[in-house]
Structure formats: C-alpha cells, structure tokens
C-alpha cells in the first residue's frame, strides 16, 4: 500500500507519516525498487497504534520510549506495560473531568430550558 492509500485509510497526513518515520517512531517502512514506501500489514499496525495513542493524548516522547523498549524485545514487557498503564490512568482522569463538565453543562441546559419555558421565574443570573 502506498502512502496516499495509508493517509486515506487512517486519516493522517503524509507529512505526519514521514515525520514519524524520520524520528524513529515508525519502524523502517519497506520500499519498492524505485524507493517508494510500500506499507505492509506490520507498518499499518504501527500507524494505527501510534494514531490511537496520539488521539488518547500520549506524548511523542512517551511513544518513542515505548518504541525503543519494543525494539529491545521481551525483556521490556513490564516497562512497556507500565507506560501504557500510566497512559490509561491519565485517560481515566481526563474522562472523569469530561464527565464532570458534561454534568455541569446538562444542569445549565436544563436550567435554561426551565427559564425559557417559564418554569423558573425566580432565576437570578449566575455563571
């Protein structure tokens, strides 16, 4: 699969893929005889993983650490697991913050609906 197809499939820019490859985040992408990137299944799995982790907020430096540990093999499984566990904890905290914000917005929306419908004539403006 060539880079344009990968970009469409994973909704990622070619520049981003090239950057990830340049900094060592992606393993070396196989190339055709003409030097054109020829993404195989393994390369695509890496792109999918990296995109997922970036969407979750994982920093490039942490991903690089993960990839470097991965390259060292099975002896680094615990360290890799620890990195992913830290990311999971950050996501849970973020999710809790989002849930609290949604709850506050729901309250405000319900309050405004009550005011608009005339159910809350005693309303005093507050944040």
N, C-alpha and C. Protein backbone atom coordinates (compact mmCIF):
# COMPACT_ATOMS: atom_id res chain seq x y z
N UNK A 1 0.86 -1.17 0.00
CA UNK A 1 0.00 0.00 0.00
C UNK A 1 0.91 1.23 0.00
N UNK A 2 0.62 2.18 -0.87
CA UNK A 2 1.43 3.38 -0.93
C UNK A 2 0.93 4.42 0.06
N UNK A 3 1.73 5.45 0.26
CA UNK A 3 1.48 6.43 1.31
C UNK A 3 0.12 7.12 1.16
N UNK A 4 -0.30 7.42 -0.06
CA UNK A 4 -1.60 8.09 -0.26
C UNK A 4 -2.74 7.21 0.24
N UNK A 5 -2.64 5.92 -0.01
CA UNK A 5 -3.68 4.99 0.46
C UNK A 5 -3.70 4.91 1.98
N UNK A 6 -2.52 4.87 2.57
CA UNK A 6 -2.41 4.81 4.03
C UNK A 6 -2.99 6.09 4.65
N UNK A 7 -2.69 7.22 4.01
CA UNK A 7 -3.22 8.50 4.51
C UNK A 7 -4.74 8.50 4.52
N UNK A 8 -5.33 8.01 3.44
CA UNK A 8 -6.79 7.95 3.37
C UNK A 8 -7.36 6.96 4.39
N UNK A 9 -6.74 5.80 4.47
CA UNK A 9 -7.24 4.74 5.35
C UNK A 9 -7.23 5.17 6.82
N UNK A 10 -6.16 5.86 7.24
CA UNK A 10 -6.00 6.20 8.66
C UNK A 10 -6.24 7.68 8.95
N UNK A 11 -6.65 8.43 7.92
CA UNK A 11 -6.92 9.86 8.09
C UNK A 11 -5.73 10.56 8.76
N UNK A 12 -4.60 10.44 8.12
CA UNK A 12 -3.35 11.00 8.62
C UNK A 12 -2.61 11.59 7.42
N UNK A 13 -1.86 12.64 7.64
CA UNK A 13 -1.17 13.26 6.51
C UNK A 13 0.14 12.54 6.18
N UNK A 14 0.56 12.68 4.95
CA UNK A 14 1.83 12.10 4.51
C UNK A 14 2.98 12.73 5.29
N UNK A 15 2.89 14.03 5.54
CA UNK A 15 3.94 14.71 6.32
C UNK A 15 4.07 14.11 7.72
N UNK A 16 2.94 13.79 8.32
CA UNK A 16 2.97 13.19 9.66
C UNK A 16 3.62 11.81 9.61
N UNK A 17 3.27 11.03 8.62
CA UNK A 17 3.89 9.70 8.47
C UNK A 17 5.39 9.83 8.27
N UNK A 18 5.79 10.73 7.40
CA UNK A 18 7.23 10.95 7.14
C UNK A 18 7.95 11.39 8.41
N UNK A 19 7.30 12.28 9.16
CA UNK A 19 7.89 12.75 10.42
C UNK A 19 8.05 11.59 11.40
N UNK A 20 7.00 10.79 11.56
CA UNK A 20 7.07 9.65 12.48
C UNK A 20 8.19 8.69 12.07
N UNK A 21 8.35 8.51 10.78
CA UNK A 21 9.41 7.63 10.29
C UNK A 21 10.78 8.26 10.57
N UNK A 22 10.90 9.55 10.31
CA UNK A 22 12.17 10.26 10.49
C UNK A 22 12.67 10.21 11.93
N UNK A 23 11.76 10.37 12.88
CA UNK A 23 12.17 10.40 14.30
C UNK A 23 12.29 9.01 14.91
N UNK A 24 11.96 7.99 14.13
CA UNK A 24 12.10 6.62 14.63
C UNK A 24 10.87 6.08 15.32
N UNK A 25 9.78 6.77 15.21
CA UNK A 25 8.54 6.30 15.83
C UNK A 25 7.97 5.12 15.05
N UNK A 26 8.12 5.18 13.75
CA UNK A 26 7.72 4.05 12.89
C UNK A 26 8.95 3.23 12.55
N UNK A 27 8.80 1.92 12.59
CA UNK A 27 9.91 1.09 12.10
C UNK A 27 10.13 1.41 10.61
N UNK A 28 11.29 1.05 10.12
CA UNK A 28 11.60 1.32 8.72
C UNK A 28 10.52 0.74 7.82
N UNK A 29 9.95 1.62 6.97
CA UNK A 29 8.88 1.21 6.06
C UNK A 29 9.53 0.53 4.85
N UNK A 30 9.02 -0.65 4.49
CA UNK A 30 9.56 -1.30 3.29
C UNK A 30 9.39 -0.38 2.08
N UNK A 31 10.29 -0.52 1.10
CA UNK A 31 10.24 0.32 -0.10
C UNK A 31 10.32 -0.55 -1.35
N UNK A 32 9.73 -0.02 -2.42
CA UNK A 32 9.82 -0.70 -3.71
C UNK A 32 11.22 -0.50 -4.28
N UNK A 33 11.49 -1.13 -5.41
CA UNK A 33 12.79 -0.97 -6.07
C UNK A 33 13.05 0.49 -6.43
N UNK A 34 11.99 1.25 -6.66
CA UNK A 34 12.11 2.66 -7.01
C UNK A 34 12.22 3.56 -5.78
N UNK A 35 12.21 3.00 -4.59
CA UNK A 35 12.34 3.78 -3.37
C UNK A 35 11.04 4.31 -2.81
N UNK A 36 9.93 3.89 -3.37
CA UNK A 36 8.62 4.35 -2.89
C UNK A 36 8.20 3.50 -1.69
N UNK A 37 7.69 4.18 -0.65
CA UNK A 37 7.22 3.45 0.53
C UNK A 37 6.13 2.47 0.12
N UNK A 38 6.25 1.25 0.64
CA UNK A 38 5.29 0.19 0.35
C UNK A 38 4.86 -0.40 1.69
N UNK A 39 3.83 0.21 2.26
CA UNK A 39 3.40 -0.15 3.60
C UNK A 39 2.84 -1.57 3.63
N UNK A 40 3.39 -2.37 4.53
CA UNK A 40 2.87 -3.72 4.72
C UNK A 40 1.94 -3.73 5.93
N UNK A 41 1.42 -4.90 6.25
CA UNK A 41 0.46 -5.02 7.36
C UNK A 41 1.08 -4.56 8.68
N UNK A 42 2.32 -4.91 8.91
CA UNK A 42 3.00 -4.53 10.14
C UNK A 42 3.14 -3.02 10.26
N UNK A 43 3.53 -2.37 9.16
CA UNK A 43 3.66 -0.91 9.15
C UNK A 43 2.33 -0.25 9.46
N UNK A 44 1.28 -0.78 8.88
CA UNK A 44 -0.07 -0.23 9.10
C UNK A 44 -0.50 -0.42 10.55
N UNK A 45 -0.15 -1.54 11.14
CA UNK A 45 -0.48 -1.76 12.55
C UNK A 45 0.20 -0.72 13.43
N UNK A 46 1.45 -0.39 13.10
CA UNK A 46 2.16 0.63 13.85
C UNK A 46 1.49 1.99 13.70
N UNK A 47 1.11 2.34 12.49
CA UNK A 47 0.43 3.62 12.27
C UNK A 47 -0.87 3.68 13.06
N UNK A 48 -1.61 2.60 13.02
CA UNK A 48 -2.88 2.54 13.75
C UNK A 48 -2.65 2.70 15.25
N UNK A 49 -1.63 2.01 15.78
CA UNK A 49 -1.31 2.10 17.20
C UNK A 49 -0.89 3.52 17.58
N UNK A 50 0.01 4.09 16.80
CA UNK A 50 0.52 5.43 17.10
C UNK A 50 -0.62 6.44 17.04
N UNK A 51 -1.44 6.33 16.03
CA UNK A 51 -2.57 7.27 15.90
C UNK A 51 -3.52 7.14 17.10
N UNK A 52 -3.80 5.93 17.49
CA UNK A 52 -4.67 5.70 18.65
C UNK A 52 -4.07 6.33 19.91
N UNK A 53 -2.80 6.09 20.14
CA UNK A 53 -2.16 6.63 21.34
C UNK A 53 -2.07 8.16 21.29
N UNK A 54 -1.79 8.73 20.13
CA UNK A 54 -1.75 10.19 20.00
C UNK A 54 -3.13 10.78 20.24
N UNK A 55 -4.18 10.14 19.69
CA UNK A 55 -5.55 10.61 19.92
C UNK A 55 -5.91 10.55 21.40
N UNK A 56 -5.29 9.62 22.11
CA UNK A 56 -5.55 9.48 23.54
C UNK A 56 -4.72 10.47 24.36
N UNK A 57 -3.84 11.20 23.68
CA UNK A 57 -3.06 12.22 24.39
C UNK A 57 -1.64 11.81 24.74
N UNK A 58 -1.21 10.64 24.31
CA UNK A 58 0.15 10.22 24.63
C UNK A 58 1.14 11.12 23.89
N UNK A 59 2.14 11.58 24.60
CA UNK A 59 3.14 12.46 24.02
C UNK A 59 4.09 11.67 23.12
N UNK A 60 4.65 12.37 22.15
CA UNK A 60 5.60 11.76 21.21
C UNK A 60 6.77 11.13 21.97
N UNK A 61 7.27 11.82 22.98
CA UNK A 61 8.42 11.32 23.74
C UNK A 61 8.10 9.99 24.40
N UNK A 62 6.89 9.86 24.93
CA UNK A 62 6.48 8.60 25.56
C UNK A 62 6.35 7.50 24.53
N UNK A 63 5.80 7.84 23.38
CA UNK A 63 5.70 6.86 22.30
C UNK A 63 7.08 6.42 21.83
N UNK A 64 8.00 7.35 21.73
CA UNK A 64 9.37 6.99 21.35
C UNK A 64 10.00 6.05 22.38
N UNK A 65 9.75 6.34 23.63
CA UNK A 65 10.25 5.47 24.69
C UNK A 65 9.66 4.07 24.54
N UNK A 66 8.36 4.00 24.27
CA UNK A 66 7.69 2.72 24.07
C UNK A 66 8.31 1.97 22.89
N UNK A 67 8.49 2.65 21.76
CA UNK A 67 9.05 2.01 20.56
C UNK A 67 10.46 1.52 20.83
N UNK A 68 11.27 2.33 21.51
CA UNK A 68 12.63 1.91 21.83
C UNK A 68 12.64 0.68 22.74
N UNK A 69 11.74 0.65 23.69
CA UNK A 69 11.62 -0.54 24.54
C UNK A 69 11.18 -1.74 23.73
N UNK A 70 10.23 -1.53 22.84
CA UNK A 70 9.72 -2.61 21.99
C UNK A 70 10.87 -3.24 21.19
N UNK A 71 11.73 -2.40 20.66
CA UNK A 71 12.86 -2.87 19.85
C UNK A 71 13.81 -3.74 20.66
N UNK A 72 13.84 -3.54 21.98
CA UNK A 72 14.73 -4.32 22.84
C UNK A 72 14.19 -5.71 23.16
N UNK A 73 12.92 -5.93 22.84
CA UNK A 73 12.38 -7.28 22.98
C UNK A 73 11.61 -7.54 24.25
N UNK A 74 11.42 -8.84 24.47
CA UNK A 74 10.55 -9.33 25.52
C UNK A 74 10.95 -8.88 26.93
N UNK A 75 12.22 -8.63 27.13
CA UNK A 75 12.69 -8.24 28.46
C UNK A 75 12.12 -6.89 28.91
N UNK A 76 11.53 -6.15 28.00
CA UNK A 76 10.99 -4.83 28.34
C UNK A 76 9.47 -4.81 28.47
N UNK A 77 8.85 -5.96 28.47
CA UNK A 77 7.38 -6.03 28.52
C UNK A 77 6.84 -5.30 29.74
N UNK A 78 7.45 -5.48 30.90
CA UNK A 78 6.95 -4.82 32.12
C UNK A 78 7.05 -3.31 32.00
N UNK A 79 8.14 -2.82 31.47
CA UNK A 79 8.30 -1.38 31.30
C UNK A 79 7.28 -0.82 30.32
N UNK A 80 7.04 -1.55 29.23
CA UNK A 80 6.04 -1.11 28.26
C UNK A 80 4.66 -1.12 28.89
N UNK A 81 4.38 -2.15 29.66
CA UNK A 81 3.09 -2.23 30.34
C UNK A 81 2.91 -1.04 31.27
N UNK A 82 3.98 -0.68 31.99
CA UNK A 82 3.92 0.46 32.91
C UNK A 82 3.59 1.76 32.16
N UNK A 83 4.22 1.96 31.00
CA UNK A 83 3.93 3.15 30.19
C UNK A 83 2.46 3.19 29.80
N UNK A 84 1.94 2.05 29.35
CA UNK A 84 0.54 2.00 28.94
C UNK A 84 -0.40 2.18 30.12
N UNK A 85 -0.03 1.65 31.26
CA UNK A 85 -0.86 1.81 32.47
C UNK A 85 -0.91 3.29 32.88
N UNK A 86 0.22 3.98 32.81
CA UNK A 86 0.25 5.41 33.11
C UNK A 86 -0.68 6.17 32.17
N UNK A 87 -0.63 5.81 30.88
CA UNK A 87 -1.50 6.47 29.90
C UNK A 87 -2.96 6.20 30.22
N UNK A 88 -3.26 4.98 30.60
CA UNK A 88 -4.63 4.61 30.95
C UNK A 88 -5.13 5.44 32.12
N UNK A 89 -4.29 5.61 33.13
CA UNK A 89 -4.67 6.41 34.30
C UNK A 89 -4.94 7.86 33.91
N UNK A 90 -4.10 8.41 33.03
CA UNK A 90 -4.31 9.78 32.55
C UNK A 90 -5.64 9.89 31.80
N UNK A 91 -5.95 8.88 31.00
CA UNK A 91 -7.21 8.89 30.24
C UNK A 91 -8.41 8.82 31.17
N UNK A 92 -8.32 8.00 32.20
CA UNK A 92 -9.42 7.89 33.16
C UNK A 92 -9.64 9.22 33.86
N UNK A 93 -8.56 9.89 34.24
CA UNK A 93 -8.68 11.20 34.87
C UNK A 93 -9.33 12.20 33.89
N UNK A 94 -8.88 12.17 32.66
CA UNK A 94 -9.45 13.04 31.64
C UNK A 94 -10.94 12.74 31.44
N UNK A 95 -11.28 11.46 31.42
CA UNK A 95 -12.68 11.05 31.26
C UNK A 95 -13.52 11.54 32.43
N UNK A 96 -12.99 11.44 33.63
CA UNK A 96 -13.71 11.94 34.81
C UNK A 96 -13.94 13.45 34.72
N UNK A 97 -12.93 14.18 34.25
CA UNK A 97 -13.08 15.62 34.07
C UNK A 97 -14.12 15.94 33.01
N UNK A 98 -14.11 15.19 31.93
CA UNK A 98 -15.10 15.39 30.87
C UNK A 98 -16.50 15.09 31.39
N UNK A 99 -16.64 14.00 32.14
CA UNK A 99 -17.95 13.65 32.70
C UNK A 99 -18.47 14.73 33.65
N UNK A 100 -17.57 15.30 34.45
CA UNK A 100 -17.98 16.38 35.36
C UNK A 100 -18.42 17.61 34.56
N UNK A 101 -17.73 17.90 33.49
CA UNK A 101 -18.09 19.03 32.65
C UNK A 101 -19.43 18.80 31.98
N UNK A 102 -19.66 17.61 31.49
CA UNK A 102 -20.94 17.27 30.87
C UNK A 102 -22.07 17.41 31.88
N UNK A 103 -21.83 16.96 33.09
CA UNK A 103 -22.85 17.07 34.14
C UNK A 103 -23.19 18.54 34.41
N UNK A 104 -22.17 19.38 34.46
CA UNK A 104 -22.41 20.81 34.69
C UNK A 104 -23.16 21.43 33.52
N UNK A 105 -22.78 21.07 32.30
CA UNK A 105 -23.48 21.58 31.12
C UNK A 105 -24.93 21.12 31.10
N UNK A 106 -25.17 19.87 31.44
CA UNK A 106 -26.55 19.35 31.49
C UNK A 106 -27.39 20.16 32.48
N UNK A 107 -26.80 20.46 33.64
CA UNK A 107 -27.51 21.26 34.64
C UNK A 107 -27.86 22.65 34.07
N UNK A 108 -26.86 23.30 33.45
CA UNK A 108 -27.09 24.64 32.89
C UNK A 108 -28.14 24.60 31.78
N UNK A 109 -28.07 23.59 30.92
CA UNK A 109 -29.04 23.48 29.83
C UNK A 109 -30.44 23.27 30.37
N UNK A 110 -30.57 22.42 31.38
CA UNK A 110 -31.88 22.18 32.00
C UNK A 110 -32.41 23.46 32.66
N UNK A 111 -31.52 24.16 33.33
CA UNK A 111 -31.90 25.42 33.96
C UNK A 111 -32.39 26.42 32.90
N UNK A 112 -31.66 26.56 31.83
CA UNK A 112 -32.06 27.49 30.77
C UNK A 112 -33.37 27.06 30.11
N UNK A 113 -33.55 25.75 29.94
CA UNK A 113 -34.83 25.27 29.39
C UNK A 113 -35.98 25.64 30.31
N UNK A 114 -35.76 25.49 31.62
CA UNK A 114 -36.80 25.87 32.59
C UNK A 114 -37.10 27.37 32.54
N UNK A 115 -36.07 28.18 32.39
CA UNK A 115 -36.26 29.63 32.31
C UNK A 115 -37.03 29.98 31.04
N UNK A 116 -36.62 29.42 29.93
CA UNK A 116 -37.26 29.69 28.64
C UNK A 116 -38.73 29.27 28.66
N UNK A 117 -39.03 28.14 29.30
CA UNK A 117 -40.41 27.65 29.32
C UNK A 117 -41.26 28.32 30.40
N UNK A 118 -40.64 29.17 31.23
CA UNK A 118 -41.39 29.89 32.26
C UNK A 118 -41.47 29.15 33.59
N UNK A 119 -40.81 28.03 33.74
CA UNK A 119 -40.86 27.26 34.98
C UNK A 119 -39.99 27.89 36.08
N UNK A 120 -39.05 28.75 35.71
CA UNK A 120 -38.13 29.35 36.71
C UNK A 120 -38.17 30.85 36.61
N UNK A 121 -39.18 31.45 37.19
CA UNK A 121 -39.26 32.91 37.18
C UNK A 121 -38.40 33.52 38.27
N UNK A 122 -37.95 32.69 39.23
CA UNK A 122 -37.16 33.17 40.35
C UNK A 122 -35.65 33.21 40.00
N UNK A 123 -35.31 32.96 38.77
CA UNK A 123 -33.92 32.85 38.34
C UNK A 123 -33.16 34.14 38.52
N UNK A 124 -31.94 34.04 39.11
CA UNK A 124 -31.02 35.15 39.21
C UNK A 124 -29.77 34.76 38.41
N UNK A 125 -29.30 35.64 37.56
CA UNK A 125 -28.18 35.34 36.66
C UNK A 125 -26.92 35.01 37.46
N UNK A 126 -26.33 33.86 37.19
CA UNK A 126 -25.02 33.46 37.75
C UNK A 126 -24.27 32.67 36.67
N UNK A 127 -23.03 32.49 36.93
CA UNK A 127 -22.20 31.75 35.97
C UNK A 127 -22.61 30.34 35.88
